[in-house]
Amino acid sequence: MYGPQPQPQTEWQEQSPCEEAEDAWAGNGEDAGWAACFLGALRRAATLRKIRLTSTTITSEITLTHGDDGEFSLSAVLNPVLGGGDRATAEELAQAAHQICP
């Protein structure tokens, strides 16, 4: 295992899942950062292909997972909405954007 090791807790206070999530995510902008990066990559991919997008928006769903190995990981589902192209174009741009912003 790399990095600092967690220290055992000497005090424990019960929190609701919402409070635990708020504590875990307080001040972190992973969801906004990933979404902004990917949206920028989508726009760049469109520009490189000379595709004019009339609008772009994105939402993100971030999940914190605790694996069987005891490790934590983050995963993201990014949902872009692109105006000015058909579904095939949007899928092409999403694939290209994933190469720019993996």
N, C-alpha and C. Protein backbone atom coordinates (compact mmCIF):
# COMPACT_ATOMS: atom_id res chain seq x y z
N MET A 1 0.85 -1.16 0.00
CA MET A 1 0.00 0.00 0.00
C MET A 1 0.90 1.23 0.00
N TYR A 2 0.59 2.21 -0.81
CA TYR A 2 1.39 3.42 -0.94
C TYR A 2 0.73 4.58 -0.21
N GLY A 3 1.56 5.57 0.12
CA GLY A 3 1.03 6.78 0.73
C GLY A 3 0.88 6.62 2.22
N PRO A 4 0.41 7.68 2.86
CA PRO A 4 0.25 7.63 4.32
C PRO A 4 -0.80 6.59 4.72
N GLN A 5 -0.51 5.93 5.78
CA GLN A 5 -1.44 4.91 6.27
C GLN A 5 -2.43 5.55 7.24
N PRO A 6 -3.70 5.14 7.20
CA PRO A 6 -4.67 5.71 8.13
C PRO A 6 -4.32 5.35 9.56
N GLN A 7 -4.56 6.28 10.43
CA GLN A 7 -4.33 6.06 11.85
C GLN A 7 -5.61 5.52 12.48
N PRO A 8 -5.49 4.63 13.44
CA PRO A 8 -6.70 4.12 14.10
C PRO A 8 -7.43 5.25 14.81
N GLN A 9 -8.74 5.21 14.74
CA GLN A 9 -9.54 6.22 15.41
C GLN A 9 -9.64 5.89 16.89
N THR A 10 -9.45 6.91 17.70
CA THR A 10 -9.63 6.70 19.13
C THR A 10 -11.01 7.15 19.57
N GLU A 11 -11.61 8.04 18.81
CA GLU A 11 -12.97 8.48 19.09
C GLU A 11 -13.82 8.19 17.87
N TRP A 12 -15.04 7.83 18.11
CA TRP A 12 -15.92 7.55 17.00
C TRP A 12 -17.28 8.15 17.30
N GLN A 13 -17.79 8.89 16.34
CA GLN A 13 -19.12 9.45 16.47
C GLN A 13 -19.95 8.96 15.30
N GLU A 14 -21.13 8.48 15.61
CA GLU A 14 -22.00 7.98 14.55
C GLU A 14 -22.51 9.14 13.72
N GLN A 15 -22.46 8.98 12.41
CA GLN A 15 -22.96 9.97 11.48
C GLN A 15 -23.90 9.28 10.50
N SER A 16 -24.83 10.06 9.98
CA SER A 16 -25.70 9.53 8.93
C SER A 16 -24.89 9.42 7.64
N PRO A 17 -25.32 8.59 6.68
CA PRO A 17 -24.61 8.50 5.41
C PRO A 17 -24.47 9.86 4.73
N CYS A 18 -25.46 10.73 4.85
CA CYS A 18 -25.37 12.06 4.23
C CYS A 18 -24.27 12.89 4.88
N GLU A 19 -24.17 12.83 6.21
CA GLU A 19 -23.12 13.57 6.89
C GLU A 19 -21.74 13.01 6.53
N GLU A 20 -21.63 11.69 6.43
CA GLU A 20 -20.35 11.08 6.06
C GLU A 20 -19.96 11.51 4.65
N ALA A 21 -20.91 11.53 3.74
CA ALA A 21 -20.62 11.95 2.37
C ALA A 21 -20.21 13.41 2.33
N GLU A 22 -20.92 14.25 3.07
CA GLU A 22 -20.56 15.66 3.11
C GLU A 22 -19.16 15.85 3.64
N ASP A 23 -18.79 15.11 4.70
CA ASP A 23 -17.44 15.19 5.25
C ASP A 23 -16.41 14.71 4.24
N ALA A 24 -16.70 13.61 3.57
CA ALA A 24 -15.75 13.05 2.62
C ALA A 24 -15.52 13.96 1.43
N TRP A 25 -16.56 14.66 1.00
CA TRP A 25 -16.46 15.47 -0.22
C TRP A 25 -16.27 16.95 0.06
N ALA A 26 -16.23 17.34 1.33
CA ALA A 26 -16.13 18.77 1.66
C ALA A 26 -14.92 19.39 0.98
N GLY A 27 -15.18 20.41 0.19
CA GLY A 27 -14.11 21.14 -0.45
C GLY A 27 -13.51 20.46 -1.67
N ASN A 28 -13.95 19.26 -1.99
CA ASN A 28 -13.39 18.55 -3.15
C ASN A 28 -14.24 18.83 -4.38
N GLY A 29 -13.58 19.07 -5.48
CA GLY A 29 -14.30 19.34 -6.71
C GLY A 29 -14.04 18.31 -7.78
N GLU A 30 -13.84 17.04 -7.37
CA GLU A 30 -13.53 16.01 -8.35
C GLU A 30 -14.59 15.94 -9.44
N ASP A 31 -15.86 15.98 -9.03
CA ASP A 31 -16.91 15.86 -10.03
C ASP A 31 -16.89 17.04 -10.98
N ALA A 32 -16.76 18.25 -10.45
CA ALA A 32 -16.70 19.44 -11.31
C ALA A 32 -15.44 19.42 -12.17
N GLY A 33 -14.33 18.99 -11.59
CA GLY A 33 -13.07 18.95 -12.33
C GLY A 33 -13.11 17.96 -13.48
N TRP A 34 -13.60 16.75 -13.21
CA TRP A 34 -13.69 15.75 -14.27
C TRP A 34 -14.64 16.21 -15.36
N ALA A 35 -15.78 16.74 -14.96
CA ALA A 35 -16.77 17.19 -15.95
C ALA A 35 -16.22 18.33 -16.78
N ALA A 36 -15.56 19.29 -16.14
CA ALA A 36 -15.00 20.44 -16.87
C ALA A 36 -13.91 19.99 -17.83
N CYS A 37 -13.05 19.09 -17.39
CA CYS A 37 -12.00 18.57 -18.26
C CYS A 37 -12.59 17.89 -19.48
N PHE A 38 -13.57 17.02 -19.25
CA PHE A 38 -14.15 16.27 -20.36
C PHE A 38 -14.92 17.19 -21.31
N LEU A 39 -15.63 18.17 -20.76
CA LEU A 39 -16.37 19.10 -21.61
C LEU A 39 -15.40 19.91 -22.47
N GLY A 40 -14.30 20.35 -21.88
CA GLY A 40 -13.28 21.05 -22.65
C GLY A 40 -12.70 20.17 -23.75
N ALA A 41 -12.50 18.89 -23.43
CA ALA A 41 -11.98 17.95 -24.43
C ALA A 41 -12.99 17.72 -25.54
N LEU A 42 -14.28 17.67 -25.21
CA LEU A 42 -15.32 17.54 -26.24
C LEU A 42 -15.29 18.73 -27.19
N ARG A 43 -15.19 19.93 -26.62
CA ARG A 43 -15.15 21.14 -27.44
C ARG A 43 -13.90 21.15 -28.31
N ARG A 44 -12.76 20.73 -27.75
CA ARG A 44 -11.51 20.69 -28.52
C ARG A 44 -11.64 19.68 -29.67
N ALA A 45 -12.20 18.51 -29.39
CA ALA A 45 -12.38 17.49 -30.43
C ALA A 45 -13.28 18.02 -31.54
N ALA A 46 -14.32 18.75 -31.17
CA ALA A 46 -15.22 19.33 -32.18
C ALA A 46 -14.48 20.35 -33.03
N THR A 47 -13.70 21.21 -32.39
CA THR A 47 -12.94 22.23 -33.12
C THR A 47 -11.96 21.58 -34.09
N LEU A 48 -11.25 20.56 -33.65
CA LEU A 48 -10.29 19.88 -34.52
C LEU A 48 -10.97 19.24 -35.73
N ARG A 49 -12.22 18.85 -35.57
CA ARG A 49 -12.97 18.22 -36.67
C ARG A 49 -13.84 19.23 -37.42
N LYS A 50 -13.70 20.50 -37.06
CA LYS A 50 -14.48 21.58 -37.68
C LYS A 50 -15.99 21.36 -37.56
N ILE A 51 -16.38 20.84 -36.40
CA ILE A 51 -17.80 20.64 -36.08
C ILE A 51 -18.24 21.80 -35.19
N ARG A 52 -19.28 22.48 -35.58
CA ARG A 52 -19.79 23.61 -34.79
C ARG A 52 -20.87 23.11 -33.85
N LEU A 53 -20.60 23.20 -32.58
CA LEU A 53 -21.59 22.83 -31.56
C LEU A 53 -22.35 24.08 -31.17
N THR A 54 -23.68 24.00 -31.15
CA THR A 54 -24.49 25.16 -30.80
C THR A 54 -24.66 25.30 -29.29
N SER A 55 -24.48 24.22 -28.55
CA SER A 55 -24.55 24.26 -27.10
C SER A 55 -23.85 23.03 -26.55
N THR A 56 -23.33 23.17 -25.33
CA THR A 56 -22.71 22.04 -24.65
C THR A 56 -22.99 22.14 -23.16
N THR A 57 -23.43 21.04 -22.59
CA THR A 57 -23.60 20.95 -21.14
C THR A 57 -23.16 19.56 -20.72
N ILE A 58 -22.88 19.42 -19.44
CA ILE A 58 -22.48 18.10 -18.94
C ILE A 58 -22.91 17.98 -17.48
N THR A 59 -23.34 16.80 -17.12
CA THR A 59 -23.60 16.48 -15.72
C THR A 59 -22.70 15.30 -15.36
N SER A 60 -22.43 15.15 -14.08
CA SER A 60 -21.57 14.05 -13.65
C SER A 60 -22.17 13.36 -12.43
N GLU A 61 -21.88 12.08 -12.36
CA GLU A 61 -22.27 11.27 -11.20
C GLU A 61 -20.99 10.58 -10.72
N ILE A 62 -20.54 10.95 -9.53
CA ILE A 62 -19.31 10.40 -8.98
C ILE A 62 -19.66 9.39 -7.89
N THR A 63 -18.98 8.24 -7.93
CA THR A 63 -19.22 7.19 -6.95
C THR A 63 -17.93 6.87 -6.22
N LEU A 64 -18.01 6.81 -4.91
CA LEU A 64 -16.90 6.37 -4.07
C LEU A 64 -17.17 4.91 -3.73
N THR A 65 -16.23 4.05 -4.09
CA THR A 65 -16.39 2.61 -3.89
C THR A 65 -15.34 2.10 -2.91
N HIS A 66 -15.77 1.25 -2.01
CA HIS A 66 -14.84 0.58 -1.09
C HIS A 66 -14.75 -0.86 -1.53
N GLY A 67 -13.62 -1.23 -2.11
CA GLY A 67 -13.46 -2.56 -2.68
C GLY A 67 -13.20 -3.64 -1.65
N ASP A 68 -13.31 -4.89 -2.09
CA ASP A 68 -13.05 -6.04 -1.22
C ASP A 68 -11.62 -6.04 -0.70
N ASP A 69 -10.71 -5.38 -1.43
CA ASP A 69 -9.31 -5.31 -1.02
C ASP A 69 -9.06 -4.22 0.03
N GLY A 70 -10.13 -3.51 0.42
CA GLY A 70 -10.00 -2.46 1.42
C GLY A 70 -9.66 -1.10 0.85
N GLU A 71 -9.39 -1.03 -0.44
CA GLU A 71 -9.03 0.22 -1.09
C GLU A 71 -10.27 0.99 -1.51
N PHE A 72 -10.15 2.30 -1.56
CA PHE A 72 -11.22 3.16 -2.04
C PHE A 72 -10.88 3.62 -3.45
N SER A 73 -11.90 3.82 -4.27
CA SER A 73 -11.69 4.34 -5.61
C SER A 73 -12.87 5.22 -6.00
N LEU A 74 -12.62 6.10 -6.94
CA LEU A 74 -13.66 6.96 -7.48
C LEU A 74 -13.95 6.53 -8.91
N SER A 75 -15.21 6.60 -9.29
CA SER A 75 -15.58 6.38 -10.68
C SER A 75 -16.56 7.49 -11.06
N ALA A 76 -16.62 7.76 -12.35
CA ALA A 76 -17.47 8.85 -12.82
C ALA A 76 -18.28 8.41 -14.02
N VAL A 77 -19.52 8.87 -14.05
CA VAL A 77 -20.36 8.76 -15.23
C VAL A 77 -20.59 10.19 -15.68
N LEU A 78 -20.11 10.51 -16.86
CA LEU A 78 -20.25 11.86 -17.41
C LEU A 78 -21.32 11.82 -18.49
N ASN A 79 -22.26 12.75 -18.41
CA ASN A 79 -23.39 12.78 -19.34
C ASN A 79 -23.40 14.09 -20.11
N PRO A 80 -22.69 14.13 -21.25
CA PRO A 80 -22.69 15.36 -22.04
C PRO A 80 -23.93 15.47 -22.92
N VAL A 81 -24.36 16.70 -23.14
CA VAL A 81 -25.45 17.00 -24.09
C VAL A 81 -24.87 18.00 -25.07
N LEU A 82 -24.82 17.59 -26.34
CA LEU A 82 -24.21 18.42 -27.37
C LEU A 82 -25.26 18.86 -28.37
N GLY A 83 -25.37 20.15 -28.57
CA GLY A 83 -26.29 20.68 -29.58
C GLY A 83 -25.53 20.94 -30.88
N GLY A 84 -26.19 20.67 -31.97
CA GLY A 84 -25.58 20.96 -33.26
C GLY A 84 -25.07 19.75 -34.01
N GLY A 85 -25.33 18.57 -33.51
CA GLY A 85 -24.88 17.37 -34.20
C GLY A 85 -25.81 16.21 -33.91
N ASP A 86 -25.65 15.15 -34.67
CA ASP A 86 -26.47 13.96 -34.45
C ASP A 86 -25.80 13.04 -33.43
N ARG A 87 -26.47 11.95 -33.11
CA ARG A 87 -25.96 11.02 -32.09
C ARG A 87 -24.62 10.42 -32.50
N ALA A 88 -24.46 10.06 -33.74
CA ALA A 88 -23.20 9.47 -34.20
C ALA A 88 -22.04 10.46 -34.03
N THR A 89 -22.30 11.71 -34.33
CA THR A 89 -21.27 12.74 -34.16
C THR A 89 -20.94 12.90 -32.68
N ALA A 90 -21.96 12.91 -31.83
CA ALA A 90 -21.74 13.03 -30.39
C ALA A 90 -20.91 11.87 -29.86
N GLU A 91 -21.19 10.66 -30.34
CA GLU A 91 -20.42 9.49 -29.89
C GLU A 91 -18.98 9.56 -30.38
N GLU A 92 -18.79 10.02 -31.61
CA GLU A 92 -17.43 10.20 -32.15
C GLU A 92 -16.65 11.22 -31.30
N LEU A 93 -17.31 12.32 -30.98
CA LEU A 93 -16.65 13.35 -30.18
C LEU A 93 -16.35 12.85 -28.77
N ALA A 94 -17.25 12.07 -28.20
CA ALA A 94 -17.02 11.53 -26.86
C ALA A 94 -15.81 10.59 -26.86
N GLN A 95 -15.69 9.76 -27.88
CA GLN A 95 -14.52 8.87 -27.98
C GLN A 95 -13.24 9.67 -28.13
N ALA A 96 -13.28 10.70 -28.98
CA ALA A 96 -12.10 11.54 -29.17
C ALA A 96 -11.76 12.29 -27.88
N ALA A 97 -12.77 12.79 -27.18
CA ALA A 97 -12.55 13.51 -25.95
C ALA A 97 -11.93 12.61 -24.88
N HIS A 98 -12.32 11.36 -24.89
CA HIS A 98 -11.77 10.42 -23.91
C HIS A 98 -10.27 10.22 -24.14
N GLN A 99 -9.80 10.35 -25.36
CA GLN A 99 -8.37 10.26 -25.65
C GLN A 99 -7.63 11.51 -25.16
N ILE A 100 -8.31 12.65 -25.20
CA ILE A 100 -7.73 13.92 -24.76
C ILE A 100 -7.73 14.00 -23.25
N CYS A 101 -8.83 13.60 -22.63
CA CYS A 101 -9.02 13.69 -21.18
C CYS A 101 -9.49 12.34 -20.66
N PRO A 102 -8.53 11.41 -20.45
CA PRO A 102 -8.91 10.06 -20.04
C PRO A 102 -9.42 10.04 -18.62
